[in-house]
C-alpha atoms as a PDB file:
ATOM      1  CA  MET A   1       4.370  -3.511  -3.706  1.00  0.00           C
ATOM      2  CA  GLU A   2       6.597  -5.280  -1.564  1.00  0.00           C
ATOM      3  CA  GLU A   3       6.778  -4.793   2.268  1.00  0.00           C
ATOM      4  CA  ASN A   4       9.251  -2.344   3.764  1.00  0.00           C
ATOM      5  CA  LEU A   5      11.401  -4.784   6.431  1.00  0.00           C
ATOM      6  CA  ILE A   6      14.366  -3.949   8.202  1.00  0.00           C
ATOM      7  CA  LEU A   7      16.637  -6.574   7.492  1.00  0.00           C
ATOM      8  CA  THR A   8      20.058  -7.237   9.536  1.00  0.00           C
ATOM      9  CA  GLN A   9      23.053  -6.835   7.756  1.00  0.00           C
ATOM     10  CA  ALA A  10      25.141  -8.210  10.175  1.00  0.00           C
ATOM     11  CA  TRP A  11      26.264 -12.191   9.911  1.00  0.00           C
ATOM     12  CA  ASP A  12      24.369 -13.244  12.138  1.00  0.00           C
ATOM     13  CA  LYS A  13      24.650 -17.435  10.924  1.00  0.00           C
ATOM     14  CA  THR A  14      25.180 -20.305  13.150  1.00  0.00           C
ATOM     15  CA  PHE A  15      27.965 -21.539  10.914  1.00  0.00           C
ATOM     16  CA  PRO A  16      30.956 -19.360  10.103  1.00  0.00           C
ATOM     17  CA  LYS A  17      31.175 -16.888   6.599  1.00  0.00           C
ATOM     18  CA  SER A  18      32.722 -18.910   3.651  1.00  0.00           C
ATOM     19  CA  ASP A  19      35.485 -16.994   1.902  1.00  0.00           C
ATOM     20  CA  LYS A  20      34.384 -19.338  -1.778  1.00  0.00           C
ATOM     21  CA  VAL A  21      31.177 -17.269  -1.967  1.00  0.00           C
ATOM     22  CA  GLU A  22      29.302 -14.040  -2.513  1.00  0.00           C
ATOM     23  CA  HIS A  23      26.543 -13.224   0.353  1.00  0.00           C
ATOM     24  CA  ARG A  24      23.973 -10.584   0.031  1.00  0.00           C
ATOM     25  CA  LYS A  25      20.730 -10.455   1.236  1.00  0.00           C
ATOM     26  CA  VAL A  26      17.026 -10.182  -1.156  1.00  0.00           C
ATOM     27  CA  THR A  27      13.391 -10.322  -0.837  1.00  0.00           C
ATOM     28  CA  PHE A  28      10.354 -11.307  -3.465  1.00  0.00           C
ATOM     29  CA  HIS A  29       7.069 -11.780  -3.183  1.00  0.00           C
ATOM     30  CA  ASN A  30       4.422 -14.438  -3.517  1.00  0.00           C
ATOM     31  CA  ARG A  31       0.565 -14.028  -4.672  1.00  0.00           C
ATOM     32  CA  TYR A  32      -0.134 -13.388  -1.787  1.00  0.00           C
ATOM     33  CA  GLY A  33       1.702 -10.388  -1.668  1.00  0.00           C
ATOM     34  CA  ILE A  34       3.714 -10.877   1.550  1.00  0.00           C
ATOM     35  CA  THR A  35       7.443 -10.144   0.836  1.00  0.00           C
ATOM     36  CA  LEU A  36      10.380 -13.208   1.677  1.00  0.00           C
ATOM     37  CA  THR A  37      14.088 -12.560   2.940  1.00  0.00           C
ATOM     38  CA  ALA A  38      16.518 -14.715   1.810  1.00  0.00           C
ATOM     39  CA  ASP A  39      20.304 -14.891   1.528  1.00  0.00           C
ATOM     40  CA  LEU A  40      21.456 -15.286  -1.500  1.00  0.00           C
ATOM     41  CA  TYR A  41      24.776 -17.266  -1.701  1.00  0.00           C
ATOM     42  CA  GLN A  42      27.105 -17.071  -5.457  1.00  0.00           C
ATOM     43  CA  PRO A  43      30.064 -18.922  -5.936  1.00  0.00           C
ATOM     44  CA  LYS A  44      32.723 -16.424  -6.297  1.00  0.00           C
ATOM     45  CA  GLY A  45      33.839 -15.717 -10.074  1.00  0.00           C
ATOM     46  CA  ALA A  46      31.016 -17.079 -11.581  1.00  0.00           C
ATOM     47  CA  THR A  47      29.782 -16.442 -14.749  1.00  0.00           C
ATOM     48  CA  GLY A  48      27.091 -17.136 -17.236  1.00  0.00           C
ATOM     49  CA  LYS A  49      23.994 -18.389 -16.057  1.00  0.00           C
ATOM     50  CA  LEU A  50      23.762 -20.856 -13.605  1.00  0.00           C
ATOM     51  CA  ALA A  51      21.546 -23.519 -11.749  1.00  0.00           C
ATOM     52  CA  ALA A  52      20.056 -22.405  -8.434  1.00  0.00           C
ATOM     53  CA  ILE A  53      18.544 -23.750  -5.771  1.00  0.00           C
ATOM     54  CA  ALA A  54      16.470 -22.687  -3.576  1.00  0.00           C
ATOM     55  CA  VAL A  55      16.425 -23.750   0.432  1.00  0.00           C
ATOM     56  CA  CYS A  56      14.011 -23.703   3.376  1.00  0.00           C
ATOM     57  CA  GLY A  57      13.340 -25.149   6.666  1.00  0.00           C
ATOM     58  CA  PRO A  58      13.579 -26.853   9.064  1.00  0.00           C
ATOM     59  CA  PHE A  59       9.884 -25.941  10.290  1.00  0.00           C
ATOM     60  CA  GLY A  60       9.931 -23.237  13.067  1.00  0.00           C
ATOM     61  CA  ALA A  61      13.736 -22.556  12.228  1.00  0.00           C
ATOM     62  CA  VAL A  62      15.115 -19.387  10.514  1.00  0.00           C
ATOM     63  CA  LYS A  63      17.628 -18.492   7.425  1.00  0.00           C
ATOM     64  CA  GLU A  64      20.299 -18.346   9.443  1.00  0.00           C
ATOM     65  CA  GLN A  65      20.183 -22.069  10.777  1.00  0.00           C
ATOM     66  CA  ALA A  66      20.257 -24.731   8.730  1.00  0.00           C
ATOM     67  CA  SER A  67      18.765 -23.769   5.317  1.00  0.00           C
ATOM     68  CA  GLY A  68      21.988 -21.300   4.905  1.00  0.00           C
ATOM     69  CA  LEU A  69      24.352 -23.787   6.076  1.00  0.00           C
ATOM     70  CA  TYR A  70      22.822 -25.923   2.989  1.00  0.00           C
ATOM     71  CA  ALA A  71      22.980 -22.582   0.840  1.00  0.00           C
ATOM     72  CA  GLN A  72      26.009 -21.318   1.348  1.00  0.00           C
ATOM     73  CA  THR A  73      27.443 -25.222   0.580  1.00  0.00           C
ATOM     74  CA  MET A  74      25.986 -25.976  -2.362  1.00  0.00           C
ATOM     75  CA  ALA A  75      26.965 -22.272  -3.653  1.00  0.00           C
ATOM     76  CA  GLU A  76      31.023 -23.282  -2.785  1.00  0.00           C
ATOM     77  CA  ARG A  77      29.883 -25.945  -5.313  1.00  0.00           C
ATOM     78  CA  GLY A  78      28.566 -24.068  -8.188  1.00  0.00           C
ATOM     79  CA  PHE A  79      25.180 -23.306  -7.739  1.00  0.00           C
ATOM     80  CA  LEU A  80      23.160 -20.072  -7.435  1.00  0.00           C
ATOM     81  CA  THR A  81      21.660 -20.569  -4.014  1.00  0.00           C
ATOM     82  CA  ILE A  82      18.866 -18.549  -1.522  1.00  0.00           C
ATOM     83  CA  ALA A  83      17.849 -19.341   2.055  1.00  0.00           C
ATOM     84  CA  PHE A  84      14.692 -17.783   2.333  1.00  0.00           C
ATOM     85  CA  ASP A  85      12.882 -17.331   5.638  1.00  0.00           C
ATOM     86  CA  PRO A  86       8.998 -18.014   5.141  1.00  0.00           C
ATOM     87  CA  SER A  87       6.239 -16.422   5.473  1.00  0.00           C
ATOM     88  CA  PHE A  88       4.886 -14.877   8.811  1.00  0.00           C
ATOM     89  CA  THR A  89       8.654 -15.807  10.106  1.00  0.00           C
ATOM     90  CA  GLY A  90      11.993 -14.372  10.473  1.00  0.00           C
ATOM     91  CA  GLU A  91      12.986 -11.213   8.767  1.00  0.00           C
ATOM     92  CA  SER A  92      10.208 -11.933   6.337  1.00  0.00           C
ATOM     93  CA  GLY A  93       6.789 -10.086   5.846  1.00  0.00           C
ATOM     94  CA  GLY A  94       3.179 -10.917   6.373  1.00  0.00           C
ATOM     95  CA  THR A  95       0.646 -10.788   9.948  1.00  0.00           C
ATOM     96  CA  PRO A  96       0.079 -11.651  12.266  1.00  0.00           C
ATOM     97  CA  ARG A  97       3.329 -13.265  13.135  1.00  0.00           C
ATOM     98  CA  TYR A  98       4.456 -17.189  13.573  1.00  0.00           C
ATOM     99  CA  MET A  99       1.298 -18.685  11.927  1.00  0.00           C
ATOM    100  CA  ALA A 100       1.687 -21.522   9.233  1.00  0.00           C
ATOM    101  CA  SER A 101      -0.065 -22.887   6.163  1.00  0.00           C
ATOM    102  CA  PRO A 102       0.146 -25.512   3.859  1.00  0.00           C
ATOM    103  CA  ASP A 103      -1.095 -23.229   0.808  1.00  0.00           C
ATOM    104  CA  ILE A 104       1.171 -19.974   1.696  1.00  0.00           C
ATOM    105  CA  ASN A 105       4.062 -21.997   2.296  1.00  0.00           C
ATOM    106  CA  THR A 106       3.689 -24.018  -0.396  1.00  0.00           C
ATOM    107  CA  GLU A 107       3.726 -20.999  -2.683  1.00  0.00           C
ATOM    108  CA  ASP A 108       6.846 -19.518  -0.145  1.00  0.00           C
ATOM    109  CA  PHE A 109       8.695 -21.886  -2.691  1.00  0.00           C
ATOM    110  CA  GLN A 110       6.842 -21.181  -5.611  1.00  0.00           C
ATOM    111  CA  ALA A 111       7.353 -17.304  -5.219  1.00  0.00           C
ATOM    112  CA  ALA A 112      11.184 -18.594  -4.235  1.00  0.00           C
ATOM    113  CA  VAL A 113      11.603 -20.072  -7.953  1.00  0.00           C
ATOM    114  CA  ASP A 114       9.716 -16.781  -9.604  1.00  0.00           C
ATOM    115  CA  PHE A 115      12.543 -14.902  -8.550  1.00  0.00           C
ATOM    116  CA  LEU A 116      15.044 -17.244  -9.285  1.00  0.00           C
ATOM    117  CA  SER A 117      13.787 -17.749 -13.026  1.00  0.00           C
ATOM    118  CA  VAL A 118      14.290 -14.154 -13.528  1.00  0.00           C
ATOM    119  CA  GLN A 119      17.237 -13.397 -12.292  1.00  0.00           C
ATOM    120  CA  GLU A 120      19.769 -12.307 -15.568  1.00  0.00           C
ATOM    121  CA  ASN A 121      22.544 -15.281 -13.894  1.00  0.00           C
ATOM    122  CA  VAL A 122      20.404 -17.994 -13.619  1.00  0.00           C
ATOM    123  CA  ASP A 123      19.017 -20.376 -16.101  1.00  0.00           C
ATOM    124  CA  PRO A 124      15.190 -20.535 -15.547  1.00  0.00           C
ATOM    125  CA  GLU A 125      15.520 -24.467 -16.237  1.00  0.00           C
ATOM    126  CA  LYS A 126      17.833 -25.422 -13.890  1.00  0.00           C
ATOM    127  CA  ILE A 127      15.778 -24.764 -10.684  1.00  0.00           C
ATOM    128  CA  GLY A 128      15.872 -27.156  -7.852  1.00  0.00           C
ATOM    129  CA  ILE A 129      14.559 -27.022  -4.435  1.00  0.00           C
ATOM    130  CA  ILE A 130      15.999 -28.197  -1.069  1.00  0.00           C
ATOM    131  CA  GLY A 131      13.770 -28.429   1.977  1.00  0.00           C
ATOM    132  CA  ILE A 132      14.832 -29.707   5.498  1.00  0.00           C
ATOM    133  CA  CYS A 133      12.343 -31.266   8.296  1.00  0.00           C
ATOM    134  CA  GLY A 134       8.932 -29.957   8.130  1.00  0.00           C
ATOM    135  CA  TRP A 135      10.242 -27.779   4.876  1.00  0.00           C
ATOM    136  CA  GLY A 136      10.603 -31.442   3.346  1.00  0.00           C
ATOM    137  CA  GLY A 137       7.194 -32.149   2.989  1.00  0.00           C
ATOM    138  CA  MET A 138       6.593 -28.628   1.578  1.00  0.00           C
ATOM    139  CA  ALA A 139       9.220 -28.949  -1.038  1.00  0.00           C
ATOM    140  CA  LEU A 140       7.217 -32.450  -2.342  1.00  0.00           C
ATOM    141  CA  ASN A 141       4.138 -30.504  -2.094  1.00  0.00           C
ATOM    142  CA  ALA A 142       5.653 -27.443  -4.096  1.00  0.00           C
ATOM    143  CA  ALA A 143       7.476 -30.411  -6.924  1.00  0.00           C
ATOM    144  CA  ALA A 144       3.873 -32.004  -7.068  1.00  0.00           C
ATOM    145  CA  LEU A 145       2.074 -28.520  -8.145  1.00  0.00           C
ATOM    146  CA  ASP A 146       5.287 -26.762 -10.042  1.00  0.00           C
ATOM    147  CA  THR A 147       6.570 -28.025 -13.470  1.00  0.00           C
ATOM    148  CA  ARG A 148       9.457 -25.677 -12.926  1.00  0.00           C
ATOM    149  CA  VAL A 149      11.141 -27.175 -10.474  1.00  0.00           C
ATOM    150  CA  LYS A 150      13.652 -29.880 -11.987  1.00  0.00           C
ATOM    151  CA  ALA A 151      14.616 -31.645  -8.910  1.00  0.00           C
ATOM    152  CA  THR A 152      14.195 -31.795  -5.093  1.00  0.00           C
ATOM    153  CA  ALA A 153      15.735 -33.172  -2.194  1.00  0.00           C
ATOM    154  CA  ALA A 154      13.944 -33.578   1.356  1.00  0.00           C
ATOM    155  CA  ILE A 155      16.159 -33.798   4.006  1.00  0.00           C
ATOM    156  CA  THR A 156      15.108 -35.458   7.440  1.00  0.00           C
ATOM    157  CA  MET A 157      11.518 -34.670   6.630  1.00  0.00           C
ATOM    158  CA  TYR A 158       8.539 -33.915   8.242  1.00  0.00           C
ATOM    159  CA  ASP A 159       4.492 -34.270   6.706  1.00  0.00           C
ATOM    160  CA  MET A 160       3.409 -31.741   9.512  1.00  0.00           C
ATOM    161  CA  SER A 161      -0.389 -32.546   8.369  1.00  0.00           C
ATOM    162  CA  ARG A 162       0.469 -36.097   8.963  1.00  0.00           C
ATOM    163  CA  VAL A 163       2.151 -34.916  12.301  1.00  0.00           C
ATOM    164  CA  ASN A 164      -0.760 -32.439  13.215  1.00  0.00           C
ATOM    165  CA  ALA A 165      -3.612 -34.625  12.637  1.00  0.00           C
ATOM    166  CA  GLN A 166      -2.194 -37.997  13.817  1.00  0.00           C
ATOM    167  CA  GLY A 167       0.284 -36.807  16.376  1.00  0.00           C
ATOM    168  CA  TYR A 168       3.565 -38.301  16.493  1.00  0.00           C
ATOM    169  CA  PHE A 169       4.078 -41.699  15.189  1.00  0.00           C
ATOM    170  CA  ASP A 170       0.712 -41.610  14.324  1.00  0.00           C
ATOM    171  CA  ASP A 171      -0.327 -42.584  18.202  1.00  0.00           C
ATOM    172  CA  GLU A 172      -3.313 -39.688  17.896  1.00  0.00           C
ATOM    173  CA  ASN A 173      -4.709 -40.595  15.011  1.00  0.00           C
ATOM    174  CA  THR A 174      -8.558 -41.225  15.603  1.00  0.00           C
ATOM    175  CA  ALA A 175     -11.325 -39.054  15.090  1.00  0.00           C
ATOM    176  CA  GLU A 176     -11.549 -38.284  18.435  1.00  0.00           C
ATOM    177  CA  SER A 177      -8.164 -37.178  18.938  1.00  0.00           C
ATOM    178  CA  ARG A 178      -8.641 -34.701  16.035  1.00  0.00           C
ATOM    179  CA  HIS A 179     -11.915 -33.841  17.959  1.00  0.00           C
ATOM    180  CA  GLU A 180     -10.641 -32.845  20.706  1.00  0.00           C
ATOM    181  CA  LYS A 181      -7.585 -30.711  19.446  1.00  0.00           C
ATOM    182  CA  ARG A 182     -10.493 -29.143  17.428  1.00  0.00           C
ATOM    183  CA  LYS A 183     -12.369 -28.234  20.184  1.00  0.00           C
ATOM    184  CA  ALA A 184      -9.015 -27.193  21.908  1.00  0.00           C
ATOM    185  CA  MET A 185      -8.059 -25.137  19.026  1.00  0.00           C
ATOM    186  CA  ASN A 186     -11.186 -23.220  18.185  1.00  0.00           C
ATOM    187  CA  ALA A 187     -11.769 -21.978  21.891  1.00  0.00           C
ATOM    188  CA  GLN A 188      -7.985 -20.626  21.994  1.00  0.00           C
ATOM    189  CA  ARG A 189      -9.378 -18.830  18.858  1.00  0.00           C
ATOM    190  CA  ILE A 190     -12.327 -17.082  21.002  1.00  0.00           C
ATOM    191  CA  VAL A 191      -9.352 -15.968  23.625  1.00  0.00           C
ATOM    192  CA  ASP A 192      -7.126 -14.901  20.741  1.00  0.00           C
ATOM    193  CA  TYR A 193      -9.775 -12.944  19.476  1.00  0.00           C
ATOM    194  CA  ARG A 194     -11.080 -11.109  22.616  1.00  0.00           C
ATOM    195  CA  ASN A 195      -7.437 -10.524  23.934  1.00  0.00           C
ATOM    196  CA  GLY A 196      -6.552  -9.319  20.182  1.00  0.00           C
ATOM    197  CA  SER A 197      -3.567 -11.180  19.808  1.00  0.00           C
ATOM    198  CA  TYR A 198      -2.567 -14.650  19.378  1.00  0.00           C
ATOM    199  CA  GLU A 199      -1.186 -16.498  22.093  1.00  0.00           C
ATOM    200  CA  LEU A 200       2.342 -18.598  21.428  1.00  0.00           C
ATOM    201  CA  GLY A 201       2.646 -22.110  21.907  1.00  0.00           C
ATOM    202  CA  GLY A 202       6.021 -22.288  23.244  1.00  0.00           C
ATOM    203  CA  GLY A 203       9.259 -23.573  21.353  1.00  0.00           C
ATOM    204  CA  VAL A 204      11.335 -26.507  22.415  1.00  0.00           C
ATOM    205  CA  VAL A 205      10.790 -27.274  26.367  1.00  0.00           C
ATOM    206  CA  ASP A 206      13.108 -25.587  28.706  1.00  0.00           C
ATOM    207  CA  PRO A 207      14.407 -26.421  30.544  1.00  0.00           C
ATOM    208  CA  LEU A 208      13.793 -30.571  29.882  1.00  0.00           C
ATOM    209  CA  PRO A 209      12.351 -32.736  32.127  1.00  0.00           C
ATOM    210  CA  GLU A 210      13.701 -35.638  33.326  1.00  0.00           C
ATOM    211  CA  ASP A 211      11.247 -38.304  31.621  1.00  0.00           C
ATOM    212  CA  THR A 212      11.513 -36.692  27.957  1.00  0.00           C
ATOM    213  CA  PRO A 213      11.568 -38.874  25.295  1.00  0.00           C
ATOM    214  CA  PHE A 214      15.117 -38.655  22.912  1.00  0.00           C
ATOM    215  CA  PHE A 215      13.584 -36.607  20.465  1.00  0.00           C
ATOM    216  CA  VAL A 216      12.701 -33.512  22.189  1.00  0.00           C
ATOM    217  CA  LYS A 217      16.456 -34.037  23.475  1.00  0.00           C
ATOM    218  CA  ASP A 218      17.643 -33.946  20.154  1.00  0.00           C
ATOM    219  CA  TYR A 219      15.813 -30.445  19.155  1.00  0.00           C
ATOM    220  CA  TYR A 220      16.820 -28.924  22.760  1.00  0.00           C
ATOM    221  CA  ASN A 221      20.714 -30.049  21.456  1.00  0.00           C
ATOM    222  CA  TYR A 222      20.172 -28.061  18.489  1.00  0.00           C
ATOM    223  CA  TYR A 223      17.819 -25.287  19.098  1.00  0.00           C
ATOM    224  CA  LYS A 224      18.544 -24.184  22.734  1.00  0.00           C
ATOM    225  CA  THR A 225      22.382 -24.111  22.988  1.00  0.00           C
ATOM    226  CA  SER A 226      25.032 -22.755  21.201  1.00  0.00           C
ATOM    227  CA  ARG A 227      24.698 -25.120  18.373  1.00  0.00           C
ATOM    228  CA  GLY A 228      21.931 -23.971  16.839  1.00  0.00           C
ATOM    229  CA  TYR A 229      20.266 -20.991  19.081  1.00  0.00           C
ATOM    230  CA  HIS A 230      19.045 -17.889  16.619  1.00  0.00           C
ATOM    231  CA  ALA A 231      17.078 -14.838  18.164  1.00  0.00           C
ATOM    232  CA  ARG A 232      14.837 -14.968  15.671  1.00  0.00           C
ATOM    233  CA  SER A 233      14.068 -18.575  15.718  1.00  0.00           C
ATOM    234  CA  LEU A 234      10.543 -19.503  16.851  1.00  0.00           C
ATOM    235  CA  ASN A 235      12.000 -23.000  17.871  1.00  0.00           C
ATOM    236  CA  SER A 236      14.239 -21.603  20.152  1.00  0.00           C
ATOM    237  CA  ASN A 237      12.324 -19.042  21.606  1.00  0.00           C
ATOM    238  CA  GLY A 238       8.587 -18.506  22.149  1.00  0.00           C
ATOM    239  CA  GLY A 239       7.051 -21.334  19.073  1.00  0.00           C
ATOM    240  CA  TRP A 240       4.173 -20.530  17.001  1.00  0.00           C
ATOM    241  CA  ASN A 241       1.581 -19.400  17.937  1.00  0.00           C
ATOM    242  CA  LYS A 242      -1.109 -22.053  19.520  1.00  0.00           C
ATOM    243  CA  ILE A 243      -3.255 -21.888  16.230  1.00  0.00           C
ATOM    244  CA  GLY A 244      -0.296 -21.732  13.902  1.00  0.00           C
ATOM    245  CA  CYS A 245      -0.366 -24.572  12.632  1.00  0.00           C
ATOM    246  CA  MET A 246      -4.297 -25.515  12.452  1.00  0.00           C
ATOM    247  CA  SER A 247      -5.331 -25.280   9.031  1.00  0.00           C
ATOM    248  CA  PHE A 248      -2.929 -28.794   9.073  1.00  0.00           C
ATOM    249  CA  LEU A 249      -5.237 -30.603  10.491  1.00  0.00           C
ATOM    250  CA  ASN A 250      -7.697 -31.089   7.651  1.00  0.00           C
ATOM    251  CA  GLN A 251      -4.925 -30.094   4.879  1.00  0.00           C
ATOM    252  CA  PRO A 252      -3.253 -33.161   3.591  1.00  0.00           C
ATOM    253  CA  ILE A 253      -0.043 -32.075   1.577  1.00  0.00           C
ATOM    254  CA  LEU A 254       1.303 -35.176  -0.313  1.00  0.00           C
ATOM    255  CA  CYS A 255      -2.433 -36.105  -1.778  1.00  0.00           C
ATOM    256  CA  TYR A 256      -0.309 -35.901  -5.397  1.00  0.00           C
ATOM    257  CA  ALA A 257       3.199 -37.319  -4.616  1.00  0.00           C
ATOM    258  CA  SER A 258       2.576 -39.584  -6.971  1.00  0.00           C
ATOM    259  CA  GLU A 259       2.315 -37.712  -9.673  1.00  0.00           C
ATOM    260  CA  ILE A 260       5.591 -36.067  -9.433  1.00  0.00           C
ATOM    261  CA  ARG A 261       7.583 -36.535 -12.299  1.00  0.00           C
ATOM    262  CA  SER A 262      10.848 -34.399 -11.976  1.00  0.00           C
ATOM    263  CA  ALA A 263      13.937 -35.946  -9.528  1.00  0.00           C
ATOM    264  CA  VAL A 264      13.437 -36.438  -5.916  1.00  0.00           C
ATOM    265  CA  LEU A 265      16.296 -37.576  -3.540  1.00  0.00           C
ATOM    266  CA  LEU A 266      14.772 -38.269   0.118  1.00  0.00           C
ATOM    267  CA  VAL A 267      17.315 -38.204   2.834  1.00  0.00           C
ATOM    268  CA  HIS A 268      17.097 -39.343   6.401  1.00  0.00           C
ATOM    269  CA  GLY A 269      18.816 -40.258   9.359  1.00  0.00           C
ATOM    270  CA  GLU A 270      18.640 -44.139  10.307  1.00  0.00           C
ATOM    271  CA  LYS A 271      18.132 -43.873  13.636  1.00  0.00           C
ATOM    272  CA  ALA A 272      16.063 -40.806  13.665  1.00  0.00           C
ATOM    273  CA  HIS A 273      12.674 -40.738  15.137  1.00  0.00           C
ATOM    274  CA  SER A 274      11.132 -38.697  11.889  1.00  0.00           C
ATOM    275  CA  TYR A 275      11.963 -41.576   9.634  1.00  0.00           C
ATOM    276  CA  TYR A 276       9.203 -43.044   9.002  1.00  0.00           C
ATOM    277  CA  PHE A 277       8.253 -39.855   7.599  1.00  0.00           C
ATOM    278  CA  SER A 278      10.481 -40.194   4.589  1.00  0.00           C
ATOM    279  CA  ARG A 279       9.739 -43.819   4.054  1.00  0.00           C
ATOM    280  CA  ASP A 280       6.253 -43.578   3.891  1.00  0.00           C
ATOM    281  CA  ALA A 281       6.382 -40.199   1.192  1.00  0.00           C
ATOM    282  CA  PHE A 282       9.619 -42.031  -0.965  1.00  0.00           C
ATOM    283  CA  ALA A 283       6.287 -45.427  -1.038  1.00  0.00           C
ATOM    284  CA  LYS A 284       3.883 -42.868  -2.350  1.00  0.00           C
ATOM    285  CA  LEU A 285       6.510 -41.943  -5.348  1.00  0.00           C
ATOM    286  CA  THR A 286       6.525 -43.146  -9.064  1.00  0.00           C
ATOM    287  CA  GLY A 287       9.399 -43.118 -11.788  1.00  0.00           C
ATOM    288  CA  ASP A 288      13.038 -44.427 -11.737  1.00  0.00           C
ATOM    289  CA  ASN A 289      14.136 -40.907 -10.985  1.00  0.00           C
ATOM    290  CA  LYS A 290      13.222 -41.016  -7.361  1.00  0.00           C
ATOM    291  CA  GLU A 291      15.547 -42.208  -4.668  1.00  0.00           C
ATOM    292  CA  LEU A 292      15.664 -42.706  -0.698  1.00  0.00           C
ATOM    293  CA  LEU A 293      19.389 -42.601   0.987  1.00  0.00           C
ATOM    294  CA  ILE A 294      19.647 -43.578   4.401  1.00  0.00           C
ATOM    295  CA  ILE A 295      22.494 -41.851   6.263  1.00  0.00           C
ATOM    296  CA  PRO A 296      24.146 -44.619   9.190  1.00  0.00           C
ATOM    297  CA  ASP A 297      23.700 -43.988  12.844  1.00  0.00           C
ATOM    298  CA  ALA A 298      22.003 -40.450  12.392  1.00  0.00           C
ATOM    299  CA  VAL A 299      19.434 -38.859  14.082  1.00  0.00           C
ATOM    300  CA  HIS A 300      16.896 -36.459  12.927  1.00  0.00           C
ATOM    301  CA  THR A 301      18.610 -33.229  13.838  1.00  0.00           C
ATOM    302  CA  ASP A 302      22.443 -34.785  12.291  1.00  0.00           C
ATOM    303  CA  LEU A 303      20.607 -33.825   9.241  1.00  0.00           C
ATOM    304  CA  TYR A 304      20.846 -29.932  10.542  1.00  0.00           C
ATOM    305  CA  ASP A 305      24.037 -29.230  10.309  1.00  0.00           C
ATOM    306  CA  GLY A 306      26.333 -32.574  10.247  1.00  0.00           C
ATOM    307  CA  GLY A 307      25.850 -33.273  13.978  1.00  0.00           C
ATOM    308  CA  SER A 308      29.246 -34.920  15.546  1.00  0.00           C
ATOM    309  CA  LYS A 309      28.641 -36.945  12.064  1.00  0.00           C
ATOM    310  CA  ASP A 310      29.192 -34.994   9.324  1.00  0.00           C
ATOM    311  CA  ALA A 311      26.238 -36.617   8.622  1.00  0.00           C
ATOM    312  CA  ILE A 312      24.942 -34.670   5.605  1.00  0.00           C
ATOM    313  CA  PRO A 313      25.703 -35.853   2.383  1.00  0.00           C
ATOM    314  CA  PHE A 314      26.830 -33.056   0.535  1.00  0.00           C
ATOM    315  CA  ASP A 315      28.957 -34.838  -2.611  1.00  0.00           C
ATOM    316  CA  LYS A 316      25.560 -37.025  -2.887  1.00  0.00           C
ATOM    317  CA  LEU A 317      23.364 -33.855  -3.124  1.00  0.00           C
ATOM    318  CA  THR A 318      25.799 -31.754  -5.269  1.00  0.00           C
ATOM    319  CA  ALA A 319      25.986 -35.185  -7.582  1.00  0.00           C
ATOM    320  CA  PHE A 320      22.109 -35.219  -7.629  1.00  0.00           C
ATOM    321  CA  PHE A 321      21.343 -31.735  -8.422  1.00  0.00           C
ATOM    322  CA  GLN A 322      24.087 -31.527 -10.945  1.00  0.00           C
ATOM    323  CA  ASP A 323      22.863 -34.739 -12.684  1.00  0.00           C
ATOM    324  CA  ASN A 324      19.004 -32.949 -13.058  1.00  0.00           C
ATOM    325  CA  LEU A 325      19.588 -29.836 -13.492  1.00  0.00           C
ATOM    326  CA  ARG A 326      21.602 -30.073 -16.624  1.00  0.00           C
END
């Protein structure tokens, strides 16, 4: 039974509404019984069974931000799409709030495939997924597990297991560093249990200290400004629970990326701090249907909304899914 969720009916996206698509909100459930909320975009006047794409990310964002922009744009190009909020976040269900899980969040993608597979106007043999930022890694994990996924695009991806276990740029990749992280989070568990609530870790830092690294400024310029701010976005506001991403420390998500048989397109900015995630993930992939596309001069968040460079390669994405969802 699906949860009874209160959904906003007003258009509250960070991007303008297209007059080329029909839009409505839908709900579906994953195998843990959590109800997920999505925006469904369909090309106006489309008939017959369509190829479909499920979109999610970035990690800590909501469907009203980057994933919705991707979904709406791909619908303009002929696909039926959904952009969904992951479990425990946004308008989706699940308690406690603001938790993440490599298992449940991979399942969220699979639940989206379940939903799309039974729609009367979707061809269940033509379903793809797009994961942005931390959801790029989750998309690869889903593609390794779900044989129904025929094509996967990972955009400006993060490997959330790696960054949690090894730190940014692998600067904390020691057993001692991981031990200290585990100690701190287990101590926090006791505090949270005693208080009966989970303490938030904070979203993107605001105001920015003078010595802030560029990649944090990059996030700030998206999540904390009119460019990308949204009231339901964790990154725009209070962030994940302090222990919300704990299980990523011990559960690497790309172990079986080499066994993905379906098509994969990795897209990353040349100047993105996170480029090494896509570079190393691509090295794990096998077969002649895998590609790494580097966008010149683009930084990490340029692939959220195009930045000032119109950086998102929608023509390439369209060709990729048309070729592999046919």
